[in-house]
Amino acid sequence: MKKNIVKVWACVFSGLCGMLFLNSFLFAQNQAGVGKNENAIAQQRKTAEEKARRILKAKEWLVYVTSESGKGKAEADVITFTEEGKVSSKNLFAQGYGDSNFRLTAQDDGSAVWETMKVDKDKNLAFLRGELRGNEMTGSIFMKSAAGVGSTYYYGTTQVQAPASSDKPPVKKGKKKR
């Protein structure tokens, strides 16, 4: 009887060992597949970033800048990306902000986002962020003075048209006088 119990336990033990080995083998195969998939995604992202850099450097980007409130006329600016990996804005350059390095990140949806920070001689800051979709760019500029006062602007490569004004005076609504 003891011999039969030992044989049963030996059989159970070897079955468990086999299952553990198989699970370990399958897990390792799965991890290798995950690693290959991650490498493929990283390569796709790198290719997308290189393409976005070529598009950015291909031209001067005429953008239309508006204040956060949307009031006032849009101001034209030109954003340029260089071979050296720097970005400049004509309007900000005129205000004392030089060229700066930028970081570019390809997004899963095919767009690319770039970001930079500029500092002028008085320690005022300008944070620029842009999103490139095809040949269209939109973004924001956050300006912060050395005193801590901030203001936000938005820009895009497409100029927003102001609504046409009407020649008719506005109609007043309210109670009629008797």
N, C-alpha and C. Protein backbone atom coordinates (compact mmCIF):
# COMPACT_ATOMS: atom_id res chain seq x y z
N MET A 1 0.81 -1.18 0.00
CA MET A 1 0.00 0.00 0.00
C MET A 1 0.87 1.26 0.00
N LYS A 2 1.95 1.26 0.80
CA LYS A 2 2.85 2.40 0.83
C LYS A 2 3.47 2.63 -0.53
N LYS A 3 3.79 1.52 -1.24
CA LYS A 3 4.40 1.66 -2.55
C LYS A 3 3.42 2.32 -3.52
N ASN A 4 2.14 1.99 -3.40
CA ASN A 4 1.13 2.58 -4.29
C ASN A 4 0.96 4.07 -4.00
N ILE A 5 0.99 4.43 -2.72
CA ILE A 5 0.87 5.85 -2.34
C ILE A 5 2.07 6.63 -2.86
N VAL A 6 3.25 6.05 -2.74
CA VAL A 6 4.46 6.70 -3.23
C VAL A 6 4.38 6.88 -4.74
N LYS A 7 3.89 5.84 -5.44
CA LYS A 7 3.75 5.94 -6.90
C LYS A 7 2.74 7.02 -7.28
N VAL A 8 1.63 7.10 -6.53
CA VAL A 8 0.62 8.13 -6.83
C VAL A 8 1.21 9.51 -6.61
N TRP A 9 1.90 9.71 -5.50
CA TRP A 9 2.51 11.01 -5.22
C TRP A 9 3.60 11.34 -6.23
N ALA A 10 4.36 10.36 -6.63
CA ALA A 10 5.40 10.59 -7.64
C ALA A 10 4.75 11.02 -8.95
N CYS A 11 3.64 10.39 -9.29
CA CYS A 11 2.92 10.72 -10.52
C CYS A 11 2.35 12.14 -10.44
N VAL A 12 1.74 12.46 -9.29
CA VAL A 12 1.18 13.80 -9.09
C VAL A 12 2.29 14.84 -9.14
N PHE A 13 3.40 14.55 -8.46
CA PHE A 13 4.52 15.48 -8.42
C PHE A 13 5.08 15.72 -9.83
N SER A 14 5.29 14.65 -10.59
CA SER A 14 5.84 14.83 -11.93
C SER A 14 4.83 15.55 -12.83
N GLY A 15 3.54 15.34 -12.63
CA GLY A 15 2.52 16.05 -13.41
C GLY A 15 2.54 17.54 -13.09
N LEU A 16 2.66 17.86 -11.80
CA LEU A 16 2.74 19.27 -11.40
C LEU A 16 3.99 19.93 -11.95
N CYS A 17 5.11 19.22 -11.88
CA CYS A 17 6.36 19.77 -12.42
C CYS A 17 6.23 20.03 -13.91
N GLY A 18 5.60 19.10 -14.62
CA GLY A 18 5.39 19.28 -16.06
C GLY A 18 4.52 20.49 -16.35
N MET A 19 3.46 20.66 -15.55
CA MET A 19 2.57 21.81 -15.75
C MET A 19 3.30 23.11 -15.45
N LEU A 20 4.11 23.12 -14.39
CA LEU A 20 4.88 24.32 -14.07
C LEU A 20 5.86 24.66 -15.18
N PHE A 21 6.53 23.63 -15.70
CA PHE A 21 7.48 23.85 -16.79
C PHE A 21 6.76 24.41 -18.01
N LEU A 22 5.61 23.84 -18.35
CA LEU A 22 4.85 24.29 -19.51
C LEU A 22 4.38 25.73 -19.32
N ASN A 23 3.87 26.05 -18.13
CA ASN A 23 3.44 27.42 -17.85
C ASN A 23 4.61 28.39 -17.94
N SER A 24 5.77 28.01 -17.40
CA SER A 24 6.96 28.86 -17.47
C SER A 24 7.37 29.07 -18.92
N PHE A 25 7.33 28.00 -19.70
CA PHE A 25 7.70 28.09 -21.11
C PHE A 25 6.74 29.01 -21.86
N LEU A 26 5.44 28.85 -21.64
CA LEU A 26 4.45 29.69 -22.31
C LEU A 26 4.57 31.15 -21.87
N PHE A 27 4.83 31.37 -20.58
CA PHE A 27 5.00 32.73 -20.07
C PHE A 27 6.21 33.39 -20.73
N ALA A 28 7.32 32.65 -20.82
CA ALA A 28 8.52 33.19 -21.45
C ALA A 28 8.26 33.51 -22.92
N GLN A 29 7.53 32.65 -23.62
CA GLN A 29 7.20 32.91 -25.02
C GLN A 29 6.34 34.17 -25.14
N ASN A 30 5.38 34.31 -24.23
CA ASN A 30 4.50 35.48 -24.24
C ASN A 30 5.31 36.75 -23.98
N GLN A 31 6.22 36.70 -23.01
CA GLN A 31 7.05 37.86 -22.70
C GLN A 31 7.93 38.24 -23.89
N ALA A 32 8.44 37.25 -24.59
CA ALA A 32 9.25 37.54 -25.77
C ALA A 32 8.40 38.24 -26.82
N GLY A 33 7.15 37.82 -26.96
CA GLY A 33 6.23 38.47 -27.90
C GLY A 33 5.92 39.89 -27.48
N VAL A 34 5.74 40.11 -26.18
CA VAL A 34 5.48 41.45 -25.66
C VAL A 34 6.69 42.33 -25.93
N GLY A 35 7.88 41.81 -25.71
CA GLY A 35 9.09 42.58 -25.97
C GLY A 35 9.21 42.97 -27.43
N LYS A 36 8.89 42.03 -28.32
CA LYS A 36 8.94 42.33 -29.75
C LYS A 36 7.91 43.39 -30.11
N ASN A 37 6.72 43.30 -29.51
CA ASN A 37 5.66 44.28 -29.76
C ASN A 37 6.07 45.66 -29.26
N GLU A 38 6.67 45.72 -28.08
CA GLU A 38 7.13 47.00 -27.53
C GLU A 38 8.21 47.59 -28.42
N ASN A 39 9.11 46.75 -28.92
CA ASN A 39 10.16 47.24 -29.82
C ASN A 39 9.55 47.78 -31.11
N ALA A 40 8.54 47.10 -31.62
CA ALA A 40 7.89 47.56 -32.85
C ALA A 40 7.20 48.90 -32.62
N ILE A 41 6.53 49.05 -31.48
CA ILE A 41 5.86 50.32 -31.16
C ILE A 41 6.89 51.43 -31.00
N ALA A 42 8.00 51.15 -30.32
CA ALA A 42 9.06 52.15 -30.15
C ALA A 42 9.62 52.57 -31.50
N GLN A 43 9.80 51.62 -32.41
CA GLN A 43 10.32 51.93 -33.74
C GLN A 43 9.32 52.78 -34.53
N GLN A 44 8.04 52.45 -34.42
CA GLN A 44 7.01 53.24 -35.10
C GLN A 44 6.99 54.67 -34.57
N ARG A 45 7.11 54.81 -33.26
CA ARG A 45 7.12 56.14 -32.65
C ARG A 45 8.33 56.94 -33.11
N LYS A 46 9.49 56.28 -33.18
CA LYS A 46 10.71 56.96 -33.62
C LYS A 46 10.56 57.42 -35.07
N THR A 47 10.00 56.57 -35.92
CA THR A 47 9.77 56.92 -37.32
C THR A 47 8.80 58.10 -37.42
N ALA A 48 7.74 58.08 -36.62
CA ALA A 48 6.75 59.17 -36.62
C ALA A 48 7.39 60.48 -36.16
N GLU A 49 8.26 60.42 -35.16
CA GLU A 49 8.93 61.63 -34.67
C GLU A 49 9.87 62.19 -35.74
N GLU A 50 10.59 61.32 -36.44
CA GLU A 50 11.48 61.77 -37.51
C GLU A 50 10.68 62.45 -38.62
N LYS A 51 9.55 61.87 -38.97
CA LYS A 51 8.69 62.45 -40.00
C LYS A 51 8.18 63.82 -39.55
N ALA A 52 7.75 63.92 -38.29
CA ALA A 52 7.25 65.20 -37.76
C ALA A 52 8.36 66.25 -37.77
N ARG A 53 9.58 65.88 -37.42
CA ARG A 53 10.70 66.83 -37.46
C ARG A 53 10.93 67.35 -38.88
N ARG A 54 10.85 66.45 -39.87
CA ARG A 54 11.03 66.87 -41.26
C ARG A 54 9.93 67.85 -41.67
N ILE A 55 8.69 67.57 -41.27
CA ILE A 55 7.57 68.46 -41.61
C ILE A 55 7.76 69.82 -40.94
N LEU A 56 8.14 69.83 -39.67
CA LEU A 56 8.33 71.09 -38.94
C LEU A 56 9.43 71.93 -39.56
N LYS A 57 10.54 71.29 -39.96
CA LYS A 57 11.68 72.03 -40.51
C LYS A 57 11.48 72.43 -41.96
N ALA A 58 10.46 71.92 -42.61
CA ALA A 58 10.28 72.14 -44.05
C ALA A 58 9.85 73.57 -44.40
N LYS A 59 9.32 74.31 -43.44
CA LYS A 59 8.83 75.65 -43.76
C LYS A 59 8.78 76.53 -42.53
N GLU A 60 8.55 77.82 -42.78
CA GLU A 60 8.24 78.74 -41.70
C GLU A 60 6.73 78.64 -41.48
N TRP A 61 6.33 78.52 -40.22
CA TRP A 61 4.93 78.32 -39.89
C TRP A 61 4.27 79.65 -39.56
N LEU A 62 3.42 80.12 -40.45
CA LEU A 62 2.64 81.33 -40.20
C LEU A 62 1.48 80.93 -39.30
N VAL A 63 1.44 81.52 -38.10
CA VAL A 63 0.37 81.21 -37.15
C VAL A 63 -0.34 82.50 -36.76
N TYR A 64 -1.56 82.34 -36.29
CA TYR A 64 -2.38 83.46 -35.86
C TYR A 64 -2.62 83.31 -34.37
N VAL A 65 -2.16 84.30 -33.61
CA VAL A 65 -2.17 84.25 -32.15
C VAL A 65 -3.32 85.11 -31.62
N THR A 66 -4.11 84.52 -30.70
CA THR A 66 -5.19 85.25 -30.05
C THR A 66 -5.04 85.12 -28.54
N SER A 67 -5.58 86.09 -27.83
CA SER A 67 -5.52 86.03 -26.37
C SER A 67 -6.49 84.96 -25.87
N GLU A 68 -6.31 84.58 -24.63
CA GLU A 68 -7.17 83.56 -24.02
C GLU A 68 -8.64 83.98 -24.06
N SER A 69 -8.90 85.26 -23.89
CA SER A 69 -10.28 85.75 -23.89
C SER A 69 -10.90 85.71 -25.28
N GLY A 70 -10.05 85.66 -26.31
CA GLY A 70 -10.55 85.66 -27.67
C GLY A 70 -10.90 87.04 -28.17
N LYS A 71 -10.74 88.04 -27.31
CA LYS A 71 -11.05 89.41 -27.69
C LYS A 71 -9.85 90.01 -28.42
N GLY A 72 -10.12 90.92 -29.28
CA GLY A 72 -9.05 91.57 -30.02
C GLY A 72 -8.74 90.83 -31.31
N LYS A 73 -7.96 91.48 -32.12
CA LYS A 73 -7.61 90.94 -33.42
C LYS A 73 -6.47 89.93 -33.28
N ALA A 74 -6.52 88.88 -34.09
CA ALA A 74 -5.44 87.89 -34.09
C ALA A 74 -4.17 88.54 -34.63
N GLU A 75 -3.06 88.20 -34.02
CA GLU A 75 -1.77 88.74 -34.42
C GLU A 75 -0.98 87.65 -35.13
N ALA A 76 -0.41 87.97 -36.28
CA ALA A 76 0.37 86.99 -37.03
C ALA A 76 1.75 86.82 -36.40
N ASP A 77 2.25 85.61 -36.43
CA ASP A 77 3.60 85.30 -35.95
C ASP A 77 4.16 84.23 -36.88
N VAL A 78 5.46 84.07 -36.87
CA VAL A 78 6.11 83.04 -37.66
C VAL A 78 6.96 82.19 -36.72
N ILE A 79 6.69 80.89 -36.71
CA ILE A 79 7.45 79.94 -35.90
C ILE A 79 8.33 79.13 -36.84
N THR A 80 9.62 79.02 -36.48
CA THR A 80 10.59 78.32 -37.32
C THR A 80 11.31 77.26 -36.51
N PHE A 81 11.50 76.10 -37.11
CA PHE A 81 12.25 74.99 -36.51
C PHE A 81 13.53 74.80 -37.32
N THR A 82 14.66 74.66 -36.62
CA THR A 82 15.95 74.58 -37.30
C THR A 82 16.49 73.16 -37.35
N GLU A 83 17.51 72.98 -38.18
CA GLU A 83 18.21 71.69 -38.28
C GLU A 83 18.87 71.32 -36.95
N GLU A 84 19.23 72.32 -36.18
CA GLU A 84 19.92 72.09 -34.90
C GLU A 84 18.96 71.72 -33.78
N GLY A 85 17.68 71.57 -34.08
CA GLY A 85 16.71 71.18 -33.06
C GLY A 85 16.25 72.33 -32.20
N LYS A 86 16.22 73.54 -32.76
CA LYS A 86 15.77 74.71 -32.02
C LYS A 86 14.51 75.27 -32.66
N VAL A 87 13.77 76.03 -31.87
CA VAL A 87 12.55 76.67 -32.35
C VAL A 87 12.62 78.15 -32.02
N SER A 88 12.10 78.97 -32.94
CA SER A 88 12.07 80.41 -32.68
C SER A 88 10.73 80.98 -33.12
N SER A 89 10.37 82.08 -32.51
CA SER A 89 9.15 82.81 -32.84
C SER A 89 9.58 84.25 -33.12
N LYS A 90 9.18 84.79 -34.27
CA LYS A 90 9.59 86.16 -34.62
C LYS A 90 9.09 87.16 -33.58
N ASN A 91 7.84 87.01 -33.14
CA ASN A 91 7.30 87.96 -32.15
C ASN A 91 8.03 87.85 -30.81
N LEU A 92 8.29 86.64 -30.37
CA LEU A 92 8.99 86.47 -29.09
C LEU A 92 10.45 86.92 -29.21
N PHE A 93 11.07 86.70 -30.36
CA PHE A 93 12.45 87.15 -30.57
C PHE A 93 12.52 88.67 -30.46
N ALA A 94 11.51 89.36 -31.00
CA ALA A 94 11.45 90.82 -30.91
C ALA A 94 11.28 91.29 -29.47
N GLN A 95 10.75 90.42 -28.60
CA GLN A 95 10.57 90.77 -27.19
C GLN A 95 11.76 90.33 -26.34
N GLY A 96 12.81 89.79 -26.96
CA GLY A 96 14.01 89.42 -26.22
C GLY A 96 14.16 87.95 -25.90
N TYR A 97 13.30 87.11 -26.43
CA TYR A 97 13.39 85.66 -26.21
C TYR A 97 14.16 85.04 -27.38
N GLY A 98 15.23 84.35 -27.08
CA GLY A 98 16.04 83.73 -28.13
C GLY A 98 15.49 82.38 -28.56
N ASP A 99 16.27 81.71 -29.42
CA ASP A 99 15.93 80.35 -29.83
C ASP A 99 16.04 79.42 -28.63
N SER A 100 15.32 78.31 -28.67
CA SER A 100 15.41 77.34 -27.58
C SER A 100 15.25 75.93 -28.15
N ASN A 101 15.79 74.96 -27.44
CA ASN A 101 15.60 73.56 -27.82
C ASN A 101 14.14 73.20 -27.60
N PHE A 102 13.67 72.21 -28.33
CA PHE A 102 12.30 71.75 -28.13
C PHE A 102 12.28 70.24 -28.03
N ARG A 103 11.26 69.76 -27.34
CA ARG A 103 11.05 68.31 -27.20
C ARG A 103 9.87 67.93 -28.07
N LEU A 104 10.02 66.86 -28.83
CA LEU A 104 8.98 66.39 -29.73
C LEU A 104 8.57 64.99 -29.34
N THR A 105 7.26 64.75 -29.25
CA THR A 105 6.75 63.43 -28.89
C THR A 105 5.65 63.04 -29.87
N ALA A 106 5.81 61.88 -30.50
CA ALA A 106 4.77 61.35 -31.39
C ALA A 106 3.66 60.76 -30.53
N GLN A 107 2.42 61.01 -30.92
CA GLN A 107 1.26 60.51 -30.20
C GLN A 107 0.71 59.27 -30.91
N ASP A 108 -0.06 58.48 -30.19
CA ASP A 108 -0.64 57.26 -30.75
C ASP A 108 -1.62 57.54 -31.89
N ASP A 109 -2.22 58.73 -31.90
CA ASP A 109 -3.20 59.05 -32.95
C ASP A 109 -2.56 59.59 -34.23
N GLY A 110 -1.23 59.62 -34.28
CA GLY A 110 -0.53 60.08 -35.48
C GLY A 110 -0.09 61.53 -35.41
N SER A 111 -0.57 62.28 -34.43
CA SER A 111 -0.14 63.66 -34.28
C SER A 111 1.20 63.69 -33.55
N ALA A 112 1.80 64.87 -33.49
CA ALA A 112 3.06 65.06 -32.77
C ALA A 112 2.93 66.32 -31.92
N VAL A 113 3.46 66.27 -30.71
CA VAL A 113 3.40 67.41 -29.80
C VAL A 113 4.83 67.88 -29.53
N TRP A 114 5.04 69.20 -29.64
CA TRP A 114 6.34 69.77 -29.31
C TRP A 114 6.16 70.79 -28.19
N GLU A 115 7.22 70.92 -27.37
CA GLU A 115 7.17 71.84 -26.23
C GLU A 115 8.54 72.49 -26.05
N THR A 116 8.52 73.72 -25.58
CA THR A 116 9.76 74.42 -25.26
C THR A 116 9.48 75.49 -24.21
N MET A 117 10.55 75.96 -23.59
CA MET A 117 10.47 77.06 -22.64
C MET A 117 11.54 78.07 -23.02
N LYS A 118 11.19 79.34 -23.02
CA LYS A 118 12.12 80.41 -23.34
C LYS A 118 12.21 81.36 -22.15
N VAL A 119 13.40 81.94 -21.97
CA VAL A 119 13.63 82.89 -20.89
C VAL A 119 14.28 84.12 -21.50
N ASP A 120 13.80 85.32 -21.14
CA ASP A 120 14.46 86.53 -21.63
C ASP A 120 15.47 87.02 -20.59
N LYS A 121 16.13 88.14 -20.88
CA LYS A 121 17.18 88.65 -19.98
C LYS A 121 16.64 89.08 -18.62
N ASP A 122 15.35 89.40 -18.53
CA ASP A 122 14.74 89.82 -17.26
C ASP A 122 14.10 88.67 -16.50
N LYS A 123 14.35 87.44 -16.95
CA LYS A 123 13.84 86.22 -16.32
C LYS A 123 12.33 86.02 -16.51
N ASN A 124 11.76 86.69 -17.52
CA ASN A 124 10.37 86.40 -17.90
C ASN A 124 10.37 85.08 -18.66
N LEU A 125 9.30 84.31 -18.52
CA LEU A 125 9.23 82.99 -19.13
C LEU A 125 8.16 82.93 -20.21
N ALA A 126 8.42 82.11 -21.21
CA ALA A 126 7.43 81.82 -22.25
C ALA A 126 7.44 80.31 -22.47
N PHE A 127 6.30 79.68 -22.25
CA PHE A 127 6.14 78.24 -22.48
C PHE A 127 5.33 78.07 -23.76
N LEU A 128 5.89 77.38 -24.72
CA LEU A 128 5.18 77.14 -25.98
C LEU A 128 4.90 75.66 -26.12
N ARG A 129 3.72 75.35 -26.61
CA ARG A 129 3.33 73.97 -26.87
C ARG A 129 2.56 73.96 -28.17
N GLY A 130 2.90 73.02 -29.03
CA GLY A 130 2.22 72.93 -30.32
C GLY A 130 1.85 71.49 -30.64
N GLU A 131 0.76 71.34 -31.37
CA GLU A 131 0.34 70.02 -31.82
C GLU A 131 0.28 70.04 -33.34
N LEU A 132 1.01 69.13 -33.95
CA LEU A 132 1.07 69.02 -35.41
C LEU A 132 0.20 67.85 -35.85
N ARG A 133 -0.78 68.15 -36.71
CA ARG A 133 -1.64 67.12 -37.31
C ARG A 133 -1.57 67.34 -38.81
N GLY A 134 -0.85 66.47 -39.49
CA GLY A 134 -0.67 66.65 -40.93
C GLY A 134 0.12 67.92 -41.17
N ASN A 135 -0.46 68.87 -41.89
CA ASN A 135 0.20 70.16 -42.14
C ASN A 135 -0.47 71.30 -41.39
N GLU A 136 -1.20 70.98 -40.35
CA GLU A 136 -1.86 71.99 -39.52
C GLU A 136 -1.24 71.98 -38.13
N MET A 137 -1.07 73.17 -37.57
CA MET A 137 -0.53 73.27 -36.22
C MET A 137 -1.42 74.16 -35.38
N THR A 138 -1.67 73.72 -34.15
CA THR A 138 -2.37 74.52 -33.16
C THR A 138 -1.56 74.44 -31.88
N GLY A 139 -1.76 75.41 -30.99
CA GLY A 139 -1.00 75.35 -29.75
C GLY A 139 -1.32 76.49 -28.81
N SER A 140 -0.48 76.59 -27.79
CA SER A 140 -0.67 77.62 -26.77
C SER A 140 0.67 78.21 -26.38
N ILE A 141 0.59 79.44 -25.90
CA ILE A 141 1.76 80.14 -25.37
C ILE A 141 1.36 80.66 -24.00
N PHE A 142 2.11 80.29 -22.99
CA PHE A 142 1.86 80.80 -21.65
C PHE A 142 3.03 81.69 -21.28
N MET A 143 2.75 82.94 -21.01
CA MET A 143 3.77 83.92 -20.64
C MET A 143 3.67 84.18 -19.14
N LYS A 144 4.81 84.15 -18.47
CA LYS A 144 4.84 84.44 -17.04
C LYS A 144 5.95 85.44 -16.78
N SER A 145 5.56 86.60 -16.24
CA SER A 145 6.54 87.64 -15.95
C SER A 145 7.35 87.25 -14.72
N ALA A 146 8.47 87.92 -14.55
CA ALA A 146 9.32 87.67 -13.38
C ALA A 146 8.55 87.99 -12.10
N ALA A 147 7.55 88.87 -12.19
CA ALA A 147 6.73 89.22 -11.03
C ALA A 147 5.66 88.17 -10.74
N GLY A 148 5.52 87.19 -11.64
CA GLY A 148 4.56 86.11 -11.40
C GLY A 148 3.23 86.26 -12.10
N VAL A 149 3.06 87.30 -12.91
CA VAL A 149 1.81 87.52 -13.63
C VAL A 149 1.82 86.68 -14.90
N GLY A 150 0.75 85.91 -15.11
CA GLY A 150 0.70 85.04 -16.27
C GLY A 150 -0.41 85.40 -17.24
N SER A 151 -0.19 85.07 -18.49
CA SER A 151 -1.23 85.24 -19.51
C SER A 151 -1.08 84.13 -20.54
N THR A 152 -2.22 83.72 -21.10
CA THR A 152 -2.24 82.61 -22.04
C THR A 152 -2.74 83.07 -23.40
N TYR A 153 -2.12 82.55 -24.44
CA TYR A 153 -2.49 82.84 -25.82
C TYR A 153 -2.63 81.51 -26.56
N TYR A 154 -3.46 81.52 -27.59
CA TYR A 154 -3.64 80.33 -28.42
C TYR A 154 -3.30 80.70 -29.85
N TYR A 155 -2.81 79.72 -30.60
CA TYR A 155 -2.48 80.00 -31.99
C TYR A 155 -2.84 78.80 -32.87
N GLY A 156 -2.91 79.08 -34.14
CA GLY A 156 -3.17 78.04 -35.12
C GLY A 156 -2.75 78.51 -36.50
N THR A 157 -2.54 77.57 -37.39
CA THR A 157 -2.14 77.92 -38.74
C THR A 157 -3.33 78.39 -39.58
N THR A 158 -4.53 78.20 -39.08
CA THR A 158 -5.72 78.67 -39.77
C THR A 158 -6.25 79.88 -39.03
N GLN A 159 -6.45 80.99 -39.76
CA GLN A 159 -6.93 82.20 -39.13
C GLN A 159 -8.42 82.09 -38.89
N VAL A 160 -8.82 82.40 -37.67
CA VAL A 160 -10.24 82.39 -37.30
C VAL A 160 -10.85 83.70 -37.78
N GLN A 161 -11.92 83.60 -38.52
CA GLN A 161 -12.60 84.80 -39.03
C GLN A 161 -13.58 85.32 -37.99
N ALA A 162 -13.58 86.63 -37.80
CA ALA A 162 -14.54 87.25 -36.89
C ALA A 162 -15.92 87.22 -37.55
N PRO A 163 -16.98 87.07 -36.77
CA PRO A 163 -18.31 87.06 -37.37
C PRO A 163 -18.60 88.39 -38.05
N ALA A 164 -19.28 88.32 -39.18
CA ALA A 164 -19.62 89.54 -39.93
C ALA A 164 -20.58 90.38 -39.11
N SER A 165 -20.36 91.70 -39.16
CA SER A 165 -21.25 92.57 -38.39
C SER A 165 -22.52 92.83 -39.19
N SER A 166 -23.58 93.03 -38.50
CA SER A 166 -24.89 93.25 -39.11
C SER A 166 -25.15 94.75 -39.18
N ASP A 167 -25.80 95.20 -40.26
CA ASP A 167 -26.12 96.62 -40.40
C ASP A 167 -27.35 97.01 -39.59
N LYS A 168 -28.14 96.03 -39.19
CA LYS A 168 -29.36 96.31 -38.43
C LYS A 168 -29.02 96.52 -36.97
N PRO A 169 -29.68 97.48 -36.33
CA PRO A 169 -29.46 97.65 -34.89
C PRO A 169 -30.07 96.46 -34.15
N PRO A 170 -29.52 96.11 -33.00
CA PRO A 170 -30.06 94.97 -32.26
C PRO A 170 -31.49 95.26 -31.80
N VAL A 171 -32.31 94.23 -31.82
CA VAL A 171 -33.70 94.34 -31.39
C VAL A 171 -33.75 94.24 -29.88
N LYS A 172 -34.42 95.22 -29.26
CA LYS A 172 -34.54 95.20 -27.81
C LYS A 172 -35.75 94.37 -27.45
N LYS A 173 -35.56 93.48 -26.50
CA LYS A 173 -36.67 92.65 -26.05
C LYS A 173 -37.02 93.05 -24.63
N GLY A 174 -38.26 92.99 -24.33
CA GLY A 174 -38.69 93.33 -22.98
C GLY A 174 -40.18 93.59 -22.96
N LYS A 175 -40.65 94.17 -21.87
CA LYS A 175 -42.08 94.46 -21.74
C LYS A 175 -42.44 95.69 -22.56
N LYS A 176 -43.62 95.65 -23.16
CA LYS A 176 -44.11 96.80 -23.91
C LYS A 176 -44.66 97.84 -22.94
N LYS A 177 -44.45 99.11 -23.27
CA LYS A 177 -45.00 100.18 -22.45
C LYS A 177 -46.46 100.39 -22.83
N ARG A 178 -47.31 100.68 -21.85
CA ARG A 178 -48.74 100.92 -22.10
C ARG A 178 -49.10 102.32 -21.90
